[in-house]
């Protein structure tokens, strides 16, 4: 699964659990990025912030966030 697929599932779960503000923060980071790598790292910053500051929301998307974070260990995967 690619990090974009993980992000899609994250958005679905946030929608299903009425976490629109959190979703909008992630979407803003995604829109601010110019390249795939930059988008990834901007979104990653938001997800790490959620993990650190919003534990209940993080628990909803934990599996996808951890999978998303894993992609940073192999920069080649970021282009996939």
PDB file of N, CA and C in Angstrom:
ATOM      1  N   UNK A   1       0.843  -1.174   0.000  1.00  0.00           N
ATOM      2  CA  UNK A   1       0.000   0.000   0.000  1.00  0.00           C
ATOM      3  C   UNK A   1       0.896   1.248   0.000  1.00  0.00           C
ATOM      4  N   UNK A   2       0.521   2.250  -0.750  1.00  0.00           N
ATOM      5  CA  UNK A   2       1.307   3.477  -0.798  1.00  0.00           C
ATOM      6  C   UNK A   2       0.872   4.435   0.302  1.00  0.00           C
ATOM      7  N   UNK A   3       1.700   5.435   0.555  1.00  0.00           N
ATOM      8  CA  UNK A   3       1.363   6.420   1.578  1.00  0.00           C
ATOM      9  C   UNK A   3       0.131   7.217   1.180  1.00  0.00           C
ATOM     10  N   UNK A   4      -0.117   7.366  -0.116  1.00  0.00           N
ATOM     11  CA  UNK A   4      -1.326   8.070  -0.573  1.00  0.00           C
ATOM     12  C   UNK A   4      -2.575   7.261  -0.219  1.00  0.00           C
ATOM     13  N   UNK A   5      -2.481   5.945  -0.309  1.00  0.00           N
ATOM     14  CA  UNK A   5      -3.611   5.100   0.100  1.00  0.00           C
ATOM     15  C   UNK A   5      -3.859   5.222   1.597  1.00  0.00           C
ATOM     16  N   UNK A   6      -2.776   5.240   2.381  1.00  0.00           N
ATOM     17  CA  UNK A   6      -2.921   5.431   3.826  1.00  0.00           C
ATOM     18  C   UNK A   6      -3.600   6.760   4.122  1.00  0.00           C
ATOM     19  N   UNK A   7      -3.202   7.789   3.407  1.00  0.00           N
ATOM     20  CA  UNK A   7      -3.783   9.112   3.613  1.00  0.00           C
ATOM     21  C   UNK A   7      -5.271   9.116   3.275  1.00  0.00           C
ATOM     22  N   UNK A   8      -5.641   8.438   2.223  1.00  0.00           N
ATOM     23  CA  UNK A   8      -7.052   8.332   1.837  1.00  0.00           C
ATOM     24  C   UNK A   8      -7.870   7.667   2.949  1.00  0.00           C
ATOM     25  N   UNK A   9      -7.350   6.593   3.517  1.00  0.00           N
ATOM     26  CA  UNK A   9      -8.048   5.894   4.603  1.00  0.00           C
ATOM     27  C   UNK A   9      -8.131   6.793   5.838  1.00  0.00           C
ATOM     28  N   UNK A  10      -7.068   7.533   6.114  1.00  0.00           N
ATOM     29  CA  UNK A  10      -7.075   8.469   7.233  1.00  0.00           C
ATOM     30  C   UNK A  10      -8.213   9.472   7.049  1.00  0.00           C
ATOM     31  N   UNK A  11      -8.342  10.043   5.855  1.00  0.00           N
ATOM     32  CA  UNK A  11      -9.419  11.005   5.590  1.00  0.00           C
ATOM     33  C   UNK A  11     -10.792  10.372   5.782  1.00  0.00           C
ATOM     34  N   UNK A  12     -10.961   9.143   5.325  1.00  0.00           N
ATOM     35  CA  UNK A  12     -12.240   8.452   5.492  1.00  0.00           C
ATOM     36  C   UNK A  12     -12.580   8.272   6.969  1.00  0.00           C
ATOM     37  N   UNK A  13     -11.615   7.843   7.757  1.00  0.00           N
ATOM     38  CA  UNK A  13     -11.849   7.624   9.181  1.00  0.00           C
ATOM     39  C   UNK A  13     -12.134   8.937   9.909  1.00  0.00           C
ATOM     40  N   UNK A  14     -11.425   9.992   9.541  1.00  0.00           N
ATOM     41  CA  UNK A  14     -11.673  11.290  10.165  1.00  0.00           C
ATOM     42  C   UNK A  14     -13.068  11.791   9.815  1.00  0.00           C
ATOM     43  N   UNK A  15     -13.485  11.604   8.571  1.00  0.00           N
ATOM     44  CA  UNK A  15     -14.852  11.974   8.174  1.00  0.00           C
ATOM     45  C   UNK A  15     -15.890  11.184   8.958  1.00  0.00           C
ATOM     46  N   UNK A  16     -15.669   9.893   9.071  1.00  0.00           N
ATOM     47  CA  UNK A  16     -16.627   9.026   9.748  1.00  0.00           C
ATOM     48  C   UNK A  16     -16.753   9.338  11.237  1.00  0.00           C
ATOM     49  N   UNK A  17     -15.734   9.980  11.801  1.00  0.00           N
ATOM     50  CA  UNK A  17     -15.737  10.272  13.231  1.00  0.00           C
ATOM     51  C   UNK A  17     -15.823  11.767  13.528  1.00  0.00           C
ATOM     52  N   UNK A  18     -16.318  12.530  12.557  1.00  0.00           N
ATOM     53  CA  UNK A  18     -16.552  13.971  12.723  1.00  0.00           C
ATOM     54  C   UNK A  18     -15.325  14.727  13.211  1.00  0.00           C
ATOM     55  N   UNK A  19     -14.193  14.445  12.617  1.00  0.00           N
ATOM     56  CA  UNK A  19     -12.930  15.120  12.963  1.00  0.00           C
ATOM     57  C   UNK A  19     -12.538  16.062  11.833  1.00  0.00           C
ATOM     58  N   UNK A  20     -13.468  16.920  11.442  1.00  0.00           N
ATOM     59  CA  UNK A  20     -13.259  17.790  10.291  1.00  0.00           C
ATOM     60  C   UNK A  20     -12.094  18.758  10.477  1.00  0.00           C
ATOM     61  N   UNK A  21     -11.919  19.314  11.662  1.00  0.00           N
ATOM     62  CA  UNK A  21     -10.827  20.269  11.887  1.00  0.00           C
ATOM     63  C   UNK A  21      -9.471  19.601  11.692  1.00  0.00           C
ATOM     64  N   UNK A  22      -9.333  18.384  12.193  1.00  0.00           N
ATOM     65  CA  UNK A  22      -8.080  17.647  12.038  1.00  0.00           C
ATOM     66  C   UNK A  22      -7.847  17.334  10.559  1.00  0.00           C
ATOM     67  N   UNK A  23      -8.891  16.890   9.882  1.00  0.00           N
ATOM     68  CA  UNK A  23      -8.782  16.590   8.453  1.00  0.00           C
ATOM     69  C   UNK A  23      -8.366  17.837   7.679  1.00  0.00           C
ATOM     70  N   UNK A  24      -8.956  18.980   8.016  1.00  0.00           N
ATOM     71  CA  UNK A  24      -8.626  20.216   7.317  1.00  0.00           C
ATOM     72  C   UNK A  24      -7.172  20.619   7.534  1.00  0.00           C
ATOM     73  N   UNK A  25      -6.638  20.378   8.729  1.00  0.00           N
ATOM     74  CA  UNK A  25      -5.223  20.670   8.985  1.00  0.00           C
ATOM     75  C   UNK A  25      -4.325  19.820   8.088  1.00  0.00           C
ATOM     76  N   UNK A  26      -4.674  18.550   7.948  1.00  0.00           N
ATOM     77  CA  UNK A  26      -3.887  17.645   7.098  1.00  0.00           C
ATOM     78  C   UNK A  26      -4.034  18.051   5.627  1.00  0.00           C
ATOM     79  N   UNK A  27      -5.262  18.359   5.211  1.00  0.00           N
ATOM     80  CA  UNK A  27      -5.496  18.784   3.833  1.00  0.00           C
ATOM     81  C   UNK A  27      -4.718  20.056   3.492  1.00  0.00           C
ATOM     82  N   UNK A  28      -4.664  20.990   4.424  1.00  0.00           N
ATOM     83  CA  UNK A  28      -3.908  22.222   4.194  1.00  0.00           C
ATOM     84  C   UNK A  28      -2.437  21.895   3.964  1.00  0.00           C
ATOM     85  N   UNK A  29      -1.886  21.014   4.784  1.00  0.00           N
ATOM     86  CA  UNK A  29      -0.488  20.613   4.603  1.00  0.00           C
ATOM     87  C   UNK A  29      -0.306  19.951   3.236  1.00  0.00           C
ATOM     88  N   UNK A  30      -1.260  19.132   2.842  1.00  0.00           N
ATOM     89  CA  UNK A  30      -1.174  18.457   1.551  1.00  0.00           C
ATOM     90  C   UNK A  30      -1.214  19.480   0.416  1.00  0.00           C
ATOM     91  N   UNK A  31      -2.067  20.471   0.525  1.00  0.00           N
ATOM     92  CA  UNK A  31      -2.200  21.488  -0.525  1.00  0.00           C
ATOM     93  C   UNK A  31      -0.987  22.411  -0.579  1.00  0.00           C
ATOM     94  N   UNK A  32      -0.319  22.622   0.549  1.00  0.00           N
ATOM     95  CA  UNK A  32       0.842  23.514   0.588  1.00  0.00           C
ATOM     96  C   UNK A  32       2.071  22.899  -0.073  1.00  0.00           C
ATOM     97  N   UNK A  33       2.093  21.590  -0.211  1.00  0.00           N
ATOM     98  CA  UNK A  33       3.247  20.923  -0.810  1.00  0.00           C
ATOM     99  C   UNK A  33       3.282  21.072  -2.317  1.00  0.00           C
ATOM    100  N   UNK A  34       4.477  21.171  -2.852  1.00  0.00           N
ATOM    101  CA  UNK A  34       4.641  21.343  -4.301  1.00  0.00           C
ATOM    102  C   UNK A  34       4.977  20.027  -5.001  1.00  0.00           C
ATOM    103  N   UNK A  35       5.740  19.185  -4.335  1.00  0.00           N
ATOM    104  CA  UNK A  35       6.142  17.906  -4.931  1.00  0.00           C
ATOM    105  C   UNK A  35       5.662  16.786  -4.023  1.00  0.00           C
ATOM    106  N   UNK A  36       5.705  15.567  -4.524  1.00  0.00           N
ATOM    107  CA  UNK A  36       5.241  14.431  -3.711  1.00  0.00           C
ATOM    108  C   UNK A  36       6.017  14.325  -2.409  1.00  0.00           C
ATOM    109  N   UNK A  37       7.327  14.484  -2.472  1.00  0.00           N
ATOM    110  CA  UNK A  37       8.147  14.392  -1.266  1.00  0.00           C
ATOM    111  C   UNK A  37       7.815  15.493  -0.277  1.00  0.00           C
ATOM    112  N   UNK A  38       7.622  16.706  -0.790  1.00  0.00           N
ATOM    113  CA  UNK A  38       7.280  17.829   0.094  1.00  0.00           C
ATOM    114  C   UNK A  38       5.893  17.629   0.697  1.00  0.00           C
ATOM    115  N   UNK A  39       4.946  17.189  -0.098  1.00  0.00           N
ATOM    116  CA  UNK A  39       3.602  16.905   0.408  1.00  0.00           C
ATOM    117  C   UNK A  39       3.690  15.868   1.521  1.00  0.00           C
ATOM    118  N   UNK A  40       4.446  14.800   1.266  1.00  0.00           N
ATOM    119  CA  UNK A  40       4.584  13.741   2.268  1.00  0.00           C
ATOM    120  C   UNK A  40       5.089  14.317   3.591  1.00  0.00           C
ATOM    121  N   UNK A  41       6.157  15.098   3.545  1.00  0.00           N
ATOM    122  CA  UNK A  41       6.744  15.586   4.790  1.00  0.00           C
ATOM    123  C   UNK A  41       5.871  16.622   5.491  1.00  0.00           C
ATOM    124  N   UNK A  42       5.130  17.434   4.745  1.00  0.00           N
ATOM    125  CA  UNK A  42       4.207  18.369   5.382  1.00  0.00           C
ATOM    126  C   UNK A  42       3.065  17.627   6.065  1.00  0.00           C
ATOM    127  N   UNK A  43       2.534  16.613   5.392  1.00  0.00           N
ATOM    128  CA  UNK A  43       1.470  15.801   5.994  1.00  0.00           C
ATOM    129  C   UNK A  43       2.025  15.020   7.184  1.00  0.00           C
ATOM    130  N   UNK A  44       3.230  14.491   7.040  1.00  0.00           N
ATOM    131  CA  UNK A  44       3.863  13.760   8.131  1.00  0.00           C
ATOM    132  C   UNK A  44       3.961  14.629   9.386  1.00  0.00           C
ATOM    133  N   UNK A  45       4.332  15.892   9.234  1.00  0.00           N
ATOM    134  CA  UNK A  45       4.406  16.796  10.376  1.00  0.00           C
ATOM    135  C   UNK A  45       3.053  16.906  11.072  1.00  0.00           C
ATOM    136  N   UNK A  46       1.984  16.998  10.298  1.00  0.00           N
ATOM    137  CA  UNK A  46       0.647  17.084  10.885  1.00  0.00           C
ATOM    138  C   UNK A  46       0.287  15.793  11.620  1.00  0.00           C
ATOM    139  N   UNK A  47       0.607  14.656  11.023  1.00  0.00           N
ATOM    140  CA  UNK A  47       0.273  13.373  11.653  1.00  0.00           C
ATOM    141  C   UNK A  47       1.051  13.165  12.948  1.00  0.00           C
ATOM    142  N   UNK A  48       2.308  13.576  12.966  1.00  0.00           N
ATOM    143  CA  UNK A  48       3.110  13.460  14.191  1.00  0.00           C
ATOM    144  C   UNK A  48       2.539  14.390  15.263  1.00  0.00           C
ATOM    145  N   UNK A  49       2.096  15.581  14.848  1.00  0.00           N
ATOM    146  CA  UNK A  49       1.462  16.505  15.790  1.00  0.00           C
ATOM    147  C   UNK A  49       0.187  15.895  16.383  1.00  0.00           C
ATOM    148  N   UNK A  50      -0.612  15.250  15.540  1.00  0.00           N
ATOM    149  CA  UNK A  50      -1.834  14.579  16.016  1.00  0.00           C
ATOM    150  C   UNK A  50      -1.457  13.478  16.990  1.00  0.00           C
ATOM    151  N   UNK A  51      -0.447  12.700  16.652  1.00  0.00           N
ATOM    152  CA  UNK A  51      -0.001  11.612  17.527  1.00  0.00           C
ATOM    153  C   UNK A  51       0.402  12.152  18.892  1.00  0.00           C
ATOM    154  N   UNK A  52       1.073  13.295  18.908  1.00  0.00           N
ATOM    155  CA  UNK A  52       1.589  13.877  20.145  1.00  0.00           C
ATOM    156  C   UNK A  52       0.512  14.635  20.929  1.00  0.00           C
ATOM    157  N   UNK A  53      -0.401  15.328  20.228  1.00  0.00           N
ATOM    158  CA  UNK A  53      -1.309  16.262  20.895  1.00  0.00           C
ATOM    159  C   UNK A  53      -2.774  15.833  20.943  1.00  0.00           C
ATOM    160  N   UNK A  54      -3.177  14.890  20.120  1.00  0.00           N
ATOM    161  CA  UNK A  54      -4.596  14.519  20.035  1.00  0.00           C
ATOM    162  C   UNK A  54      -4.757  13.008  20.090  1.00  0.00           C
ATOM    163  N   UNK A  55      -4.459  12.464  21.245  1.00  0.00           N
ATOM    164  CA  UNK A  55      -4.445  11.006  21.416  1.00  0.00           C
ATOM    165  C   UNK A  55      -5.748  10.326  20.989  1.00  0.00           C
ATOM    166  N   UNK A  56      -6.932  10.852  21.333  1.00  0.00           N
ATOM    167  CA  UNK A  56      -8.164  10.163  20.909  1.00  0.00           C
ATOM    168  C   UNK A  56      -8.297  10.074  19.383  1.00  0.00           C
ATOM    169  N   UNK A  57      -7.939  11.131  18.688  1.00  0.00           N
ATOM    170  CA  UNK A  57      -7.999  11.113  17.217  1.00  0.00           C
ATOM    171  C   UNK A  57      -6.932  10.172  16.681  1.00  0.00           C
ATOM    172  N   UNK A  58      -5.760  10.235  17.258  1.00  0.00           N
ATOM    173  CA  UNK A  58      -4.675   9.347  16.831  1.00  0.00           C
ATOM    174  C   UNK A  58      -5.092   7.879  16.923  1.00  0.00           C
ATOM    175  N   UNK A  59      -5.781   7.510  17.989  1.00  0.00           N
ATOM    176  CA  UNK A  59      -6.205   6.113  18.147  1.00  0.00           C
ATOM    177  C   UNK A  59      -7.114   5.662  17.007  1.00  0.00           C
ATOM    178  N   UNK A  60      -7.891   6.585  16.426  1.00  0.00           N
ATOM    179  CA  UNK A  60      -8.770   6.244  15.303  1.00  0.00           C
ATOM    180  C   UNK A  60      -7.983   5.886  14.043  1.00  0.00           C
ATOM    181  N   UNK A  61      -6.834   6.534  13.884  1.00  0.00           N
ATOM    182  CA  UNK A  61      -6.082   6.410  12.632  1.00  0.00           C
ATOM    183  C   UNK A  61      -4.679   5.844  12.844  1.00  0.00           C
ATOM    184  N   UNK A  62      -4.464   5.260  14.001  1.00  0.00           N
ATOM    185  CA  UNK A  62      -3.144   4.795  14.415  1.00  0.00           C
ATOM    186  C   UNK A  62      -2.472   3.884  13.385  1.00  0.00           C
ATOM    187  N   UNK A  63      -3.179   2.888  12.912  1.00  0.00           N
ATOM    188  CA  UNK A  63      -2.593   1.917  11.980  1.00  0.00           C
ATOM    189  C   UNK A  63      -2.098   2.607  10.706  1.00  0.00           C
ATOM    190  N   UNK A  64      -2.921   3.497  10.146  1.00  0.00           N
ATOM    191  CA  UNK A  64      -2.550   4.190   8.917  1.00  0.00           C
ATOM    192  C   UNK A  64      -1.420   5.202   9.165  1.00  0.00           C
ATOM    193  N   UNK A  65      -1.453   5.881  10.316  1.00  0.00           N
ATOM    194  CA  UNK A  65      -0.393   6.842  10.633  1.00  0.00           C
ATOM    195  C   UNK A  65       0.938   6.117  10.751  1.00  0.00           C
ATOM    196  N   UNK A  66       0.959   5.005  11.449  1.00  0.00           N
ATOM    197  CA  UNK A  66       2.203   4.255  11.606  1.00  0.00           C
ATOM    198  C   UNK A  66       2.704   3.733  10.264  1.00  0.00           C
ATOM    199  N   UNK A  67       1.791   3.303   9.403  1.00  0.00           N
ATOM    200  CA  UNK A  67       2.178   2.865   8.067  1.00  0.00           C
ATOM    201  C   UNK A  67       2.720   4.051   7.273  1.00  0.00           C
ATOM    202  N   UNK A  68       2.054   5.190   7.372  1.00  0.00           N
ATOM    203  CA  UNK A  68       2.488   6.414   6.692  1.00  0.00           C
ATOM    204  C   UNK A  68       3.881   6.816   7.156  1.00  0.00           C
ATOM    205  N   UNK A  69       4.109   6.808   8.456  1.00  0.00           N
ATOM    206  CA  UNK A  69       5.409   7.174   9.031  1.00  0.00           C
ATOM    207  C   UNK A  69       6.501   6.232   8.528  1.00  0.00           C
ATOM    208  N   UNK A  70       6.167   4.964   8.384  1.00  0.00           N
ATOM    209  CA  UNK A  70       7.137   3.960   7.936  1.00  0.00           C
ATOM    210  C   UNK A  70       7.743   4.302   6.574  1.00  0.00           C
ATOM    211  N   UNK A  71       6.995   4.969   5.715  1.00  0.00           N
ATOM    212  CA  UNK A  71       7.499   5.306   4.378  1.00  0.00           C
ATOM    213  C   UNK A  71       8.713   6.220   4.430  1.00  0.00           C
ATOM    214  N   UNK A  72       8.864   7.002   5.495  1.00  0.00           N
ATOM    215  CA  UNK A  72      10.007   7.914   5.566  1.00  0.00           C
ATOM    216  C   UNK A  72      11.324   7.165   5.730  1.00  0.00           C
ATOM    217  N   UNK A  73      11.263   5.898   6.121  1.00  0.00           N
ATOM    218  CA  UNK A  73      12.492   5.117   6.284  1.00  0.00           C
ATOM    219  C   UNK A  73      13.084   4.691   4.937  1.00  0.00           C
ATOM    220  N   UNK A  74      12.308   4.830   3.859  1.00  0.00           N
ATOM    221  CA  UNK A  74      12.797   4.474   2.530  1.00  0.00           C
ATOM    222  C   UNK A  74      12.356   5.547   1.533  1.00  0.00           C
ATOM    223  N   UNK A  75      13.209   6.556   1.293  1.00  0.00           N
ATOM    224  CA  UNK A  75      12.836   7.660   0.401  1.00  0.00           C
ATOM    225  C   UNK A  75      12.382   7.208  -0.987  1.00  0.00           C
ATOM    226  N   UNK A  76      12.855   6.063  -1.460  1.00  0.00           N
ATOM    227  CA  UNK A  76      12.435   5.571  -2.778  1.00  0.00           C
ATOM    228  C   UNK A  76      10.931   5.335  -2.820  1.00  0.00           C
ATOM    229  N   UNK A  77      10.359   4.875  -1.705  1.00  0.00           N
ATOM    230  CA  UNK A  77       8.935   4.591  -1.645  1.00  0.00           C
ATOM    231  C   UNK A  77       8.094   5.856  -1.747  1.00  0.00           C
ATOM    232  N   UNK A  78       8.656   7.008  -1.395  1.00  0.00           N
ATOM    233  CA  UNK A  78       7.890   8.256  -1.434  1.00  0.00           C
ATOM    234  C   UNK A  78       7.410   8.599  -2.826  1.00  0.00           C
ATOM    235  N   UNK A  79       8.118   8.147  -3.826  1.00  0.00           N
ATOM    236  CA  UNK A  79       7.710   8.451  -5.204  1.00  0.00           C
ATOM    237  C   UNK A  79       6.711   7.454  -5.748  1.00  0.00           C
ATOM    238  N   UNK A  80       6.443   6.390  -4.992  1.00  0.00           N
ATOM    239  CA  UNK A  80       5.516   5.357  -5.460  1.00  0.00           C
ATOM    240  C   UNK A  80       4.074   5.751  -5.239  1.00  0.00           C
TER     241      UNK A  80
END
